[in-house]
Every structure is written in C-alpha cells, then in structure tokens.
Amino acid sequence: YLRAKIKDVKLDFKIINSKNDDIIQL
C-alpha cells in the first residue's frame, strides 16, 4: 500500500506487545 501511495517511502513497521508500551495501551 505504501509503495503505491508514496514514492520512496521508508516504512518502519513493528508489532508491539501492549504490556511494554504505554502508547499502544492508550
């Protein structure tokens, strides 16, 4: 999707364990 949407985009994608991340919990 991002390659098609935005040229030369750099995607930093991570699956986060909510136990260890306040923002995921929020």
mmCIF file of all heavy atoms, coordinates in Angstrom:
data_MODEL
# 
_entry.id   MODEL 
# 
loop_
_atom_site.group_PDB 
_atom_site.id 
_atom_site.type_symbol 
_atom_site.label_atom_id 
_atom_site.label_alt_id 
_atom_site.label_comp_id 
_atom_site.label_asym_id 
_atom_site.label_entity_id 
_atom_site.label_seq_id 
_atom_site.pdbx_PDB_ins_code 
_atom_site.Cartn_x 
_atom_site.Cartn_y 
_atom_site.Cartn_z 
_atom_site.occupancy 
_atom_site.B_iso_or_equiv 
_atom_site.pdbx_formal_charge 
_atom_site.auth_seq_id 
_atom_site.auth_comp_id 
_atom_site.auth_asym_id 
_atom_site.auth_atom_id 
_atom_site.pdbx_PDB_model_num 
ATOM 1   N N   . TYR A 1 1  ? 0.825  -1.208  0.000  1.00 0.00 ? 1  TYR A N   1 
ATOM 2   C CA  . TYR A 1 1  ? 0.000  0.000   0.000  1.00 0.00 ? 1  TYR A CA  1 
ATOM 3   C C   . TYR A 1 1  ? 0.860  1.259   0.000  1.00 0.00 ? 1  TYR A C   1 
ATOM 4   O O   . TYR A 1 1  ? 0.633  2.184   -0.793 1.00 0.00 ? 1  TYR A O   1 
ATOM 5   C CB  . TYR A 1 1  ? -0.928 -0.013  1.219  1.00 0.00 ? 1  TYR A CB  1 
ATOM 6   C CG  . TYR A 1 1  ? -1.652 1.291   1.440  1.00 0.00 ? 1  TYR A CG  1 
ATOM 7   C CD1 . TYR A 1 1  ? -2.843 1.566   0.773  1.00 0.00 ? 1  TYR A CD1 1 
ATOM 8   C CD2 . TYR A 1 1  ? -1.124 2.253   2.294  1.00 0.00 ? 1  TYR A CD2 1 
ATOM 9   C CE1 . TYR A 1 1  ? -3.503 2.774   0.955  1.00 0.00 ? 1  TYR A CE1 1 
ATOM 10  C CE2 . TYR A 1 1  ? -1.771 3.467   2.471  1.00 0.00 ? 1  TYR A CE2 1 
ATOM 11  C CZ  . TYR A 1 1  ? -2.950 3.718   1.807  1.00 0.00 ? 1  TYR A CZ  1 
ATOM 12  O OH  . TYR A 1 1  ? -3.590 4.922   1.990  1.00 0.00 ? 1  TYR A OH  1 
ATOM 13  N N   . LEU A 1 2  ? 1.856  1.299   0.868  1.00 0.00 ? 2  LEU A N   1 
ATOM 14  C CA  . LEU A 1 2  ? 2.680  2.495   0.988  1.00 0.00 ? 2  LEU A CA  1 
ATOM 15  C C   . LEU A 1 2  ? 3.562  2.715   -0.231 1.00 0.00 ? 2  LEU A C   1 
ATOM 16  O O   . LEU A 1 2  ? 3.804  3.854   -0.632 1.00 0.00 ? 2  LEU A O   1 
ATOM 17  C CB  . LEU A 1 2  ? 3.533  2.425   2.259  1.00 0.00 ? 2  LEU A CB  1 
ATOM 18  C CG  . LEU A 1 2  ? 2.744  2.572   3.569  1.00 0.00 ? 2  LEU A CG  1 
ATOM 19  C CD1 . LEU A 1 2  ? 3.630  2.285   4.761  1.00 0.00 ? 2  LEU A CD1 1 
ATOM 20  C CD2 . LEU A 1 2  ? 2.147  3.974   3.678  1.00 0.00 ? 2  LEU A CD2 1 
ATOM 21  N N   . ARG A 1 3  ? 4.031  1.627   -0.834 1.00 0.00 ? 3  ARG A N   1 
ATOM 22  C CA  . ARG A 1 3  ? 4.825  1.772   -2.068 1.00 0.00 ? 3  ARG A CA  1 
ATOM 23  C C   . ARG A 1 3  ? 3.980  2.389   -3.180 1.00 0.00 ? 3  ARG A C   1 
ATOM 24  O O   . ARG A 1 3  ? 4.468  3.185   -3.981 1.00 0.00 ? 3  ARG A O   1 
ATOM 25  C CB  . ARG A 1 3  ? 5.388  0.421   -2.509 1.00 0.00 ? 3  ARG A CB  1 
ATOM 26  C CG  . ARG A 1 3  ? 6.677  0.039   -1.796 1.00 0.00 ? 3  ARG A CG  1 
ATOM 27  C CD  . ARG A 1 3  ? 7.400  -1.063  -2.552 1.00 0.00 ? 3  ARG A CD  1 
ATOM 28  N NE  . ARG A 1 3  ? 6.655  -2.308  -2.555 1.00 0.00 ? 3  ARG A NE  1 
ATOM 29  C CZ  . ARG A 1 3  ? 6.855  -3.302  -1.695 1.00 0.00 ? 3  ARG A CZ  1 
ATOM 30  N NH1 . ARG A 1 3  ? 7.780  -3.187  -0.755 1.00 0.00 ? 3  ARG A NH1 1 
ATOM 31  N NH2 . ARG A 1 3  ? 6.146  -4.408  -1.768 1.00 0.00 ? 3  ARG A NH2 1 
ATOM 32  N N   . ALA A 1 4  ? 2.707  2.006   -3.216 1.00 0.00 ? 4  ALA A N   1 
ATOM 33  C CA  . ALA A 1 4  ? 1.814  2.554   -4.232 1.00 0.00 ? 4  ALA A CA  1 
ATOM 34  C C   . ALA A 1 4  ? 1.359  3.974   -3.901 1.00 0.00 ? 4  ALA A C   1 
ATOM 35  O O   . ALA A 1 4  ? 1.142  4.796   -4.794 1.00 0.00 ? 4  ALA A O   1 
ATOM 36  C CB  . ALA A 1 4  ? 0.589  1.652   -4.383 1.00 0.00 ? 4  ALA A CB  1 
ATOM 37  N N   . LYS A 1 5  ? 1.245  4.264   -2.611 1.00 0.00 ? 5  LYS A N   1 
ATOM 38  C CA  . LYS A 1 5  ? 0.713  5.547   -2.158 1.00 0.00 ? 5  LYS A CA  1 
ATOM 39  C C   . LYS A 1 5  ? 1.770  6.645   -2.169 1.00 0.00 ? 5  LYS A C   1 
ATOM 40  O O   . LYS A 1 5  ? 1.519  7.775   -2.600 1.00 0.00 ? 5  LYS A O   1 
ATOM 41  C CB  . LYS A 1 5  ? 0.143  5.392   -0.743 1.00 0.00 ? 5  LYS A CB  1 
ATOM 42  C CG  . LYS A 1 5  ? -0.406 6.655   -0.115 1.00 0.00 ? 5  LYS A CG  1 
ATOM 43  C CD  . LYS A 1 5  ? -1.761 7.006   -0.644 1.00 0.00 ? 5  LYS A CD  1 
ATOM 44  C CE  . LYS A 1 5  ? -2.337 8.226   0.072  1.00 0.00 ? 5  LYS A CE  1 
ATOM 45  N NZ  . LYS A 1 5  ? -3.624 8.646   -0.482 1.00 0.00 ? 5  LYS A NZ  1 
ATOM 46  N N   . ILE A 1 6  ? 2.955  6.331   -1.666 1.00 0.00 ? 6  ILE A N   1 
ATOM 47  C CA  . ILE A 1 6  ? 4.003  7.336   -1.507 1.00 0.00 ? 6  ILE A CA  1 
ATOM 48  C C   . ILE A 1 6  ? 5.302  6.803   -2.092 1.00 0.00 ? 6  ILE A C   1 
ATOM 49  O O   . ILE A 1 6  ? 5.804  5.762   -1.663 1.00 0.00 ? 6  ILE A O   1 
ATOM 50  C CB  . ILE A 1 6  ? 4.224  7.685   -0.016 1.00 0.00 ? 6  ILE A CB  1 
ATOM 51  C CG1 . ILE A 1 6  ? 2.897  8.075   0.653  1.00 0.00 ? 6  ILE A CG1 1 
ATOM 52  C CG2 . ILE A 1 6  ? 5.233  8.810   0.127  1.00 0.00 ? 6  ILE A CG2 1 
ATOM 53  C CD1 . ILE A 1 6  ? 3.003  8.263   2.147  1.00 0.00 ? 6  ILE A CD1 1 
ATOM 54  N N   . LYS A 1 7  ? 5.861  7.513   -3.031 1.00 0.00 ? 7  LYS A N   1 
ATOM 55  C CA  . LYS A 1 7  ? 7.115  7.086   -3.642 1.00 0.00 ? 7  LYS A CA  1 
ATOM 56  C C   . LYS A 1 7  ? 8.268  7.256   -2.658 1.00 0.00 ? 7  LYS A C   1 
ATOM 57  O O   . LYS A 1 7  ? 8.334  8.227   -1.915 1.00 0.00 ? 7  LYS A O   1 
ATOM 58  C CB  . LYS A 1 7  ? 7.385  7.905   -4.907 1.00 0.00 ? 7  LYS A CB  1 
ATOM 59  C CG  . LYS A 1 7  ? 6.444  7.572   -6.053 1.00 0.00 ? 7  LYS A CG  1 
ATOM 60  C CD  . LYS A 1 7  ? 6.834  8.348   -7.305 1.00 0.00 ? 7  LYS A CD  1 
ATOM 61  C CE  . LYS A 1 7  ? 5.912  7.972   -8.465 1.00 0.00 ? 7  LYS A CE  1 
ATOM 62  N NZ  . LYS A 1 7  ? 6.273  8.707   -9.693 1.00 0.00 ? 7  LYS A NZ  1 
ATOM 63  N N   . ASP A 1 8  ? 9.173  6.277   -2.680 1.00 0.00 ? 8  ASP A N   1 
ATOM 64  C CA  . ASP A 1 8  ? 10.385 6.309   -1.852 1.00 0.00 ? 8  ASP A CA  1 
ATOM 65  C C   . ASP A 1 8  ? 10.084 6.407   -0.356 1.00 0.00 ? 8  ASP A C   1 
ATOM 66  O O   . ASP A 1 8  ? 10.872 6.945   0.409  1.00 0.00 ? 8  ASP A O   1 
ATOM 67  C CB  . ASP A 1 8  ? 11.290 7.481   -2.261 1.00 0.00 ? 8  ASP A CB  1 
ATOM 68  C CG  . ASP A 1 8  ? 11.694 7.401   -3.725 1.00 0.00 ? 8  ASP A CG  1 
ATOM 69  O OD1 . ASP A 1 8  ? 11.975 6.280   -4.189 1.00 0.00 ? 8  ASP A OD1 1 
ATOM 70  O OD2 . ASP A 1 8  ? 11.708 8.451   -4.385 1.00 0.00 ? 8  ASP A OD2 1 
ATOM 71  N N   . VAL A 1 9  ? 8.933  5.897   0.039  1.00 0.00 ? 9  VAL A N   1 
ATOM 72  C CA  . VAL A 1 9  ? 8.605  5.921   1.463  1.00 0.00 ? 9  VAL A CA  1 
ATOM 73  C C   . VAL A 1 9  ? 9.411  4.861   2.200  1.00 0.00 ? 9  VAL A C   1 
ATOM 74  O O   . VAL A 1 9  ? 9.669  3.774   1.678  1.00 0.00 ? 9  VAL A O   1 
ATOM 75  C CB  . VAL A 1 9  ? 7.095  5.678   1.691  1.00 0.00 ? 9  VAL A CB  1 
ATOM 76  C CG1 . VAL A 1 9  ? 6.700  4.268   1.286  1.00 0.00 ? 9  VAL A CG1 1 
ATOM 77  C CG2 . VAL A 1 9  ? 6.719  5.913   3.146  1.00 0.00 ? 9  VAL A CG2 1 
ATOM 78  N N   . LYS A 1 10 ? 9.818  5.204   3.392  1.00 0.00 ? 10 LYS A N   1 
ATOM 79  C CA  . LYS A 1 10 ? 10.515 4.244   4.248  1.00 0.00 ? 10 LYS A CA  1 
ATOM 80  C C   . LYS A 1 10 ? 9.555  3.831   5.357  1.00 0.00 ? 10 LYS A C   1 
ATOM 81  O O   . LYS A 1 10 ? 9.182  4.633   6.201  1.00 0.00 ? 10 LYS A O   1 
ATOM 82  C CB  . LYS A 1 10 ? 11.775 4.858   4.839  1.00 0.00 ? 10 LYS A CB  1 
ATOM 83  C CG  . LYS A 1 10 ? 12.579 3.884   5.686  1.00 0.00 ? 10 LYS A CG  1 
ATOM 84  C CD  . LYS A 1 10 ? 13.835 4.537   6.231  1.00 0.00 ? 10 LYS A CD  1 
ATOM 85  C CE  . LYS A 1 10 ? 14.618 3.549   7.107  1.00 0.00 ? 10 LYS A CE  1 
ATOM 86  N NZ  . LYS A 1 10 ? 15.842 4.193   7.669  1.00 0.00 ? 10 LYS A NZ  1 
ATOM 87  N N   . LEU A 1 11 ? 9.149  2.571   5.329  1.00 0.00 ? 11 LEU A N   1 
ATOM 88  C CA  . LEU A 1 11 ? 8.208  2.069   6.327  1.00 0.00 ? 11 LEU A CA  1 
ATOM 89  C C   . LEU A 1 11 ? 8.949  1.406   7.465  1.00 0.00 ? 11 LEU A C   1 
ATOM 90  O O   . LEU A 1 11 ? 9.763  0.510   7.268  1.00 0.00 ? 11 LEU A O   1 
ATOM 91  C CB  . LEU A 1 11 ? 7.245  1.057   5.687  1.00 0.00 ? 11 LEU A CB  1 
ATOM 92  C CG  . LEU A 1 11 ? 6.324  0.298   6.659  1.00 0.00 ? 11 LEU A CG  1 
ATOM 93  C CD1 . LEU A 1 11 ? 5.374  1.254   7.366  1.00 0.00 ? 11 LEU A CD1 1 
ATOM 94  C CD2 . LEU A 1 11 ? 5.547  -0.785  5.931  1.00 0.00 ? 11 LEU A CD2 1 
ATOM 95  N N   . ASP A 1 12 ? 8.643  1.870   8.661  1.00 0.00 ? 12 ASP A N   1 
ATOM 96  C CA  . ASP A 1 12 ? 9.146  1.242   9.885  1.00 0.00 ? 12 ASP A CA  1 
ATOM 97  C C   . ASP A 1 12 ? 7.925  0.658   10.586 1.00 0.00 ? 12 ASP A C   1 
ATOM 98  O O   . ASP A 1 12 ? 7.154  1.380   11.210 1.00 0.00 ? 12 ASP A O   1 
ATOM 99  C CB  . ASP A 1 12 ? 9.844  2.292   10.751 1.00 0.00 ? 12 ASP A CB  1 
ATOM 100 C CG  . ASP A 1 12 ? 10.338 1.726   12.080 1.00 0.00 ? 12 ASP A CG  1 
ATOM 101 O OD1 . ASP A 1 12 ? 10.136 0.525   12.331 1.00 0.00 ? 12 ASP A OD1 1 
ATOM 102 O OD2 . ASP A 1 12 ? 10.900 2.491   12.873 1.00 0.00 ? 12 ASP A OD2 1 
ATOM 103 N N   . PHE A 1 13 ? 7.737  -0.649  10.433 1.00 0.00 ? 13 PHE A N   1 
ATOM 104 C CA  . PHE A 1 13 ? 6.535  -1.303  10.955 1.00 0.00 ? 13 PHE A CA  1 
ATOM 105 C C   . PHE A 1 13 ? 6.920  -2.304  12.041 1.00 0.00 ? 13 PHE A C   1 
ATOM 106 O O   . PHE A 1 13 ? 7.813  -3.130  11.858 1.00 0.00 ? 13 PHE A O   1 
ATOM 107 C CB  . PHE A 1 13 ? 5.805  -2.036  9.826  1.00 0.00 ? 13 PHE A CB  1 
ATOM 108 C CG  . PHE A 1 13 ? 4.617  -2.842  10.292 1.00 0.00 ? 13 PHE A CG  1 
ATOM 109 C CD1 . PHE A 1 13 ? 3.408  -2.228  10.537 1.00 0.00 ? 13 PHE A CD1 1 
ATOM 110 C CD2 . PHE A 1 13 ? 4.724  -4.214  10.482 1.00 0.00 ? 13 PHE A CD2 1 
ATOM 111 C CE1 . PHE A 1 13 ? 2.312  -2.972  10.964 1.00 0.00 ? 13 PHE A CE1 1 
ATOM 112 C CE2 . PHE A 1 13 ? 3.638  -4.962  10.912 1.00 0.00 ? 13 PHE A CE2 1 
ATOM 113 C CZ  . PHE A 1 13 ? 2.429  -4.335  11.156 1.00 0.00 ? 13 PHE A CZ  1 
ATOM 114 N N   . LYS A 1 14 ? 6.226  -2.230  13.180 1.00 0.00 ? 14 LYS A N   1 
ATOM 115 C CA  . LYS A 1 14 ? 6.506  -3.162  14.264 1.00 0.00 ? 14 LYS A CA  1 
ATOM 116 C C   . LYS A 1 14 ? 5.210  -3.591  14.935 1.00 0.00 ? 14 LYS A C   1 
ATOM 117 O O   . LYS A 1 14 ? 4.288  -2.804  15.091 1.00 0.00 ? 14 LYS A O   1 
ATOM 118 C CB  . LYS A 1 14 ? 7.432  -2.523  15.307 1.00 0.00 ? 14 LYS A CB  1 
ATOM 119 C CG  . LYS A 1 14 ? 8.861  -2.320  14.841 1.00 0.00 ? 14 LYS A CG  1 
ATOM 120 C CD  . LYS A 1 14 ? 9.726  -1.736  15.948 1.00 0.00 ? 14 LYS A CD  1 
ATOM 121 C CE  . LYS A 1 14 ? 11.163 -1.514  15.471 1.00 0.00 ? 14 LYS A CE  1 
ATOM 122 N NZ  . LYS A 1 14 ? 12.001 -0.889  16.525 1.00 0.00 ? 14 LYS A NZ  1 
ATOM 123 N N   . ILE A 1 15 ? 5.192  -4.864  15.312 1.00 0.00 ? 15 ILE A N   1 
ATOM 124 C CA  . ILE A 1 15 ? 4.138  -5.391  16.174 1.00 0.00 ? 15 ILE A CA  1 
ATOM 125 C C   . ILE A 1 15 ? 4.614  -5.222  17.608 1.00 0.00 ? 15 ILE A C   1 
ATOM 126 O O   . ILE A 1 15 ? 5.704  -5.659  17.969 1.00 0.00 ? 15 ILE A O   1 
ATOM 127 C CB  . ILE A 1 15 ? 3.874  -6.881  15.889 1.00 0.00 ? 15 ILE A CB  1 
ATOM 128 C CG1 . ILE A 1 15 ? 3.527  -7.104  14.405 1.00 0.00 ? 15 ILE A CG1 1 
ATOM 129 C CG2 . ILE A 1 15 ? 2.791  -7.418  16.800 1.00 0.00 ? 15 ILE A CG2 1 
ATOM 130 C CD1 . ILE A 1 15 ? 2.196  -6.565  13.976 1.00 0.00 ? 15 ILE A CD1 1 
ATOM 131 N N   . ILE A 1 16 ? 3.806  -4.564  18.416 1.00 0.00 ? 16 ILE A N   1 
ATOM 132 C CA  . ILE A 1 16 ? 4.220  -4.220  19.771 1.00 0.00 ? 16 ILE A CA  1 
ATOM 133 C C   . ILE A 1 16 ? 3.387  -4.979  20.802 1.00 0.00 ? 16 ILE A C   1 
ATOM 134 O O   . ILE A 1 16 ? 2.158  -5.047  20.697 1.00 0.00 ? 16 ILE A O   1 
ATOM 135 C CB  . ILE A 1 16 ? 4.062  -2.703  20.017 1.00 0.00 ? 16 ILE A CB  1 
ATOM 136 C CG1 . ILE A 1 16 ? 4.896  -1.895  19.009 1.00 0.00 ? 16 ILE A CG1 1 
ATOM 137 C CG2 . ILE A 1 16 ? 4.457  -2.344  21.441 1.00 0.00 ? 16 ILE A CG2 1 
ATOM 138 C CD1 . ILE A 1 16 ? 6.379  -2.059  19.151 1.00 0.00 ? 16 ILE A CD1 1 
ATOM 139 N N   . ASN A 1 17 ? 4.060  -5.534  21.782 1.00 0.00 ? 17 ASN A N   1 
ATOM 140 C CA  . ASN A 1 17 ? 3.363  -6.136  22.922 1.00 0.00 ? 17 ASN A CA  1 
ATOM 141 C C   . ASN A 1 17 ? 2.845  -5.005  23.807 1.00 0.00 ? 17 ASN A C   1 
ATOM 142 O O   . ASN A 1 17 ? 3.622  -4.209  24.330 1.00 0.00 ? 17 ASN A O   1 
ATOM 143 C CB  . ASN A 1 17 ? 4.341  -7.027  23.701 1.00 0.00 ? 17 ASN A CB  1 
ATOM 144 C CG  . ASN A 1 17 ? 3.650  -7.788  24.819 1.00 0.00 ? 17 ASN A CG  1 
ATOM 145 O OD1 . ASN A 1 17 ? 2.634  -7.352  25.360 1.00 0.00 ? 17 ASN A OD1 1 
ATOM 146 N ND2 . ASN A 1 17 ? 4.201  -8.927  25.184 1.00 0.00 ? 17 ASN A ND2 1 
ATOM 147 N N   . SER A 1 18 ? 1.549  -4.932  23.949 1.00 0.00 ? 18 SER A N   1 
ATOM 148 C CA  . SER A 1 18 ? 0.950  -3.813  24.675 1.00 0.00 ? 18 SER A CA  1 
ATOM 149 C C   . SER A 1 18 ? 1.416  -3.722  26.128 1.00 0.00 ? 18 SER A C   1 
ATOM 150 O O   . SER A 1 18 ? 1.419  -2.641  26.717 1.00 0.00 ? 18 SER A O   1 
ATOM 151 C CB  . SER A 1 18 ? -0.580 -3.904  24.629 1.00 0.00 ? 18 SER A CB  1 
ATOM 152 O OG  . SER A 1 18 ? -1.036 -5.102  25.221 1.00 0.00 ? 18 SER A OG  1 
ATOM 153 N N   . LYS A 1 19 ? 1.818  -4.831  26.694 1.00 0.00 ? 19 LYS A N   1 
ATOM 154 C CA  . LYS A 1 19 ? 2.298  -4.818  28.084 1.00 0.00 ? 19 LYS A CA  1 
ATOM 155 C C   . LYS A 1 19 ? 3.490  -3.898  28.267 1.00 0.00 ? 19 LYS A C   1 
ATOM 156 O O   . LYS A 1 19 ? 3.724  -3.365  29.351 1.00 0.00 ? 19 LYS A O   1 
ATOM 157 C CB  . LYS A 1 19 ? 2.678  -6.232  28.527 1.00 0.00 ? 19 LYS A CB  1 
ATOM 158 C CG  . LYS A 1 19 ? 1.516  -7.071  28.994 1.00 0.00 ? 19 LYS A CG  1 
ATOM 159 C CD  . LYS A 1 19 ? 2.027  -8.351  29.637 1.00 0.00 ? 19 LYS A CD  1 
ATOM 160 C CE  . LYS A 1 19 ? 0.864  -9.131  30.249 1.00 0.00 ? 19 LYS A CE  1 
ATOM 161 N NZ  . LYS A 1 19 ? 1.340  -10.351 30.949 1.00 0.00 ? 19 LYS A NZ  1 
ATOM 162 N N   . ASN A 1 20 ? 4.257  -3.741  27.194 1.00 0.00 ? 20 ASN A N   1 
ATOM 163 C CA  . ASN A 1 20 ? 5.507  -2.984  27.278 1.00 0.00 ? 20 ASN A CA  1 
ATOM 164 C C   . ASN A 1 20 ? 5.440  -1.614  26.621 1.00 0.00 ? 20 ASN A C   1 
ATOM 165 O O   . ASN A 1 20 ? 6.472  -0.968  26.447 1.00 0.00 ? 20 ASN A O   1 
ATOM 166 C CB  . ASN A 1 20 ? 6.639  -3.792  26.615 1.00 0.00 ? 20 ASN A CB  1 
ATOM 167 C CG  . ASN A 1 20 ? 6.784  -5.168  27.208 1.00 0.00 ? 20 ASN A CG  1 
ATOM 168 O OD1 . ASN A 1 20 ? 6.659  -5.353  28.415 1.00 0.00 ? 20 ASN A OD1 1 
ATOM 169 N ND2 . ASN A 1 20 ? 7.032  -6.160  26.367 1.00 0.00 ? 20 ASN A ND2 1 
ATOM 170 N N   . ASP A 1 21 ? 4.242  -1.156  26.275 1.00 0.00 ? 21 ASP A N   1 
ATOM 171 C CA  . ASP A 1 21 ? 4.161  0.105   25.541 1.00 0.00 ? 21 ASP A CA  1 
ATOM 172 C C   . ASP A 1 21 ? 2.946  0.928   25.987 1.00 0.00 ? 21 ASP A C   1 
ATOM 173 O O   . ASP A 1 21 ? 1.801  0.546   25.761 1.00 0.00 ? 21 ASP A O   1 
ATOM 174 C CB  . ASP A 1 21 ? 4.085  -0.163  24.031 1.00 0.00 ? 21 ASP A CB  1 
ATOM 175 C CG  . ASP A 1 21 ? 4.336  1.079   23.212 1.00 0.00 ? 21 ASP A CG  1 
ATOM 176 O OD1 . ASP A 1 21 ? 3.450  1.949   23.173 1.00 0.00 ? 21 ASP A OD1 1 
ATOM 177 O OD2 . ASP A 1 21 ? 5.426  1.192   22.609 1.00 0.00 ? 21 ASP A OD2 1 
ATOM 178 N N   . ASP A 1 22 ? 3.208  2.075   26.606 1.00 0.00 ? 22 ASP A N   1 
ATOM 179 C CA  . ASP A 1 22 ? 2.142  2.934   27.117 1.00 0.00 ? 22 ASP A CA  1 
ATOM 180 C C   . ASP A 1 22 ? 1.256  3.486   26.011 1.00 0.00 ? 22 ASP A C   1 
ATOM 181 O O   . ASP A 1 22 ? 0.048  3.666   26.203 1.00 0.00 ? 22 ASP A O   1 
ATOM 182 C CB  . ASP A 1 22 ? 2.745  4.114   27.895 1.00 0.00 ? 22 ASP A CB  1 
ATOM 183 C CG  . ASP A 1 22 ? 3.361  3.698   29.224 1.00 0.00 ? 22 ASP A CG  1 
ATOM 184 O OD1 . ASP A 1 22 ? 2.950  2.649   29.754 1.00 0.00 ? 22 ASP A OD1 1 
ATOM 185 O OD2 . ASP A 1 22 ? 4.235  4.425   29.727 1.00 0.00 ? 22 ASP A OD2 1 
ATOM 186 N N   . ILE A 1 23 ? 1.842  3.775   24.834 1.00 0.00 ? 23 ILE A N   1 
ATOM 187 C CA  . ILE A 1 23 ? 1.052  4.401   23.775 1.00 0.00 ? 23 ILE A CA  1 
ATOM 188 C C   . ILE A 1 23 ? 0.111  3.385   23.126 1.00 0.00 ? 23 ILE A C   1 
ATOM 189 O O   . ILE A 1 23 ? -1.018 3.730   22.756 1.00 0.00 ? 23 ILE A O   1 
ATOM 190 C CB  . ILE A 1 23 ? 1.953  5.056   22.705 1.00 0.00 ? 23 ILE A CB  1 
ATOM 191 C CG1 . ILE A 1 23 ? 3.048  5.892   23.370 1.00 0.00 ? 23 ILE A CG1 1 
ATOM 192 C CG2 . ILE A 1 23 ? 1.108  5.928   21.780 1.00 0.00 ? 23 ILE A CG2 1 
ATOM 193 C CD1 . ILE A 1 23 ? 2.544  7.005   24.259 1.00 0.00 ? 23 ILE A CD1 1 
ATOM 194 N N   . ILE A 1 24 ? 0.556  2.150   22.980 1.00 0.00 ? 24 ILE A N   1 
ATOM 195 C CA  . ILE A 1 24 ? -0.342 1.097   22.497 1.00 0.00 ? 24 ILE A CA  1 
ATOM 196 C C   . ILE A 1 24 ? -1.495 0.911   23.479 1.00 0.00 ? 24 ILE A C   1 
ATOM 197 O O   . ILE A 1 24 ? -2.659 0.741   23.080 1.00 0.00 ? 24 ILE A O   1 
ATOM 198 C CB  . ILE A 1 24 ? 0.423  -0.230  22.295 1.00 0.00 ? 24 ILE A CB  1 
ATOM 199 C CG1 . ILE A 1 24 ? 1.276  -0.166  21.023 1.00 0.00 ? 24 ILE A CG1 1 
ATOM 200 C CG2 . ILE A 1 24 ? -0.535 -1.408  22.205 1.00 0.00 ? 24 ILE A CG2 1 
ATOM 201 C CD1 . ILE A 1 24 ? 0.486  -0.211  19.722 1.00 0.00 ? 24 ILE A CD1 1 
ATOM 202 N N   . GLN A 1 25 ? -1.209 0.965   24.760 1.00 0.00 ? 25 GLN A N   1 
ATOM 203 C CA  . GLN A 1 25 ? -2.261 0.851   25.767 1.00 0.00 ? 25 GLN A CA  1 
ATOM 204 C C   . GLN A 1 25 ? -3.240 2.012   25.660 1.00 0.00 ? 25 GLN A C   1 
ATOM 205 O O   . GLN A 1 25 ? -4.463 1.822   25.744 1.00 0.00 ? 25 GLN A O   1 
ATOM 206 C CB  . GLN A 1 25 ? -1.643 0.818   27.165 1.00 0.00 ? 25 GLN A CB  1 
ATOM 207 C CG  . GLN A 1 25 ? -0.840 -0.440  27.452 1.00 0.00 ? 25 GLN A CG  1 
ATOM 208 C CD  . GLN A 1 25 ? -0.128 -0.379  28.788 1.00 0.00 ? 25 GLN A CD  1 
ATOM 209 O OE1 . GLN A 1 25 ? -0.614 0.216   29.747 1.00 0.00 ? 25 GLN A OE1 1 
ATOM 210 N NE2 . GLN A 1 25 ? 1.040  -0.998  28.876 1.00 0.00 ? 25 GLN A NE2 1 
ATOM 211 N N   . LEU A 1 26 ? -2.705 3.210   25.460 1.00 0.00 ? 26 LEU A N   1 
ATOM 212 C CA  . LEU A 1 26 ? -3.577 4.378   25.296 1.00 0.00 ? 26 LEU A CA  1 
ATOM 213 C C   . LEU A 1 26 ? -4.433 4.235   24.040 1.00 0.00 ? 26 LEU A C   1 
ATOM 214 O O   . LEU A 1 26 ? -5.624 4.581   24.044 1.00 0.00 ? 26 LEU A O   1 
ATOM 215 C CB  . LEU A 1 26 ? -2.725 5.650   25.210 1.00 0.00 ? 26 LEU A CB  1 
ATOM 216 C CG  . LEU A 1 26 ? -3.507 6.949   24.946 1.00 0.00 ? 26 LEU A CG  1 
ATOM 217 C CD1 . LEU A 1 26 ? -4.458 7.252   26.098 1.00 0.00 ? 26 LEU A CD1 1 
ATOM 218 C CD2 . LEU A 1 26 ? -2.546 8.110   24.715 1.00 0.00 ? 26 LEU A CD2 1 
# 
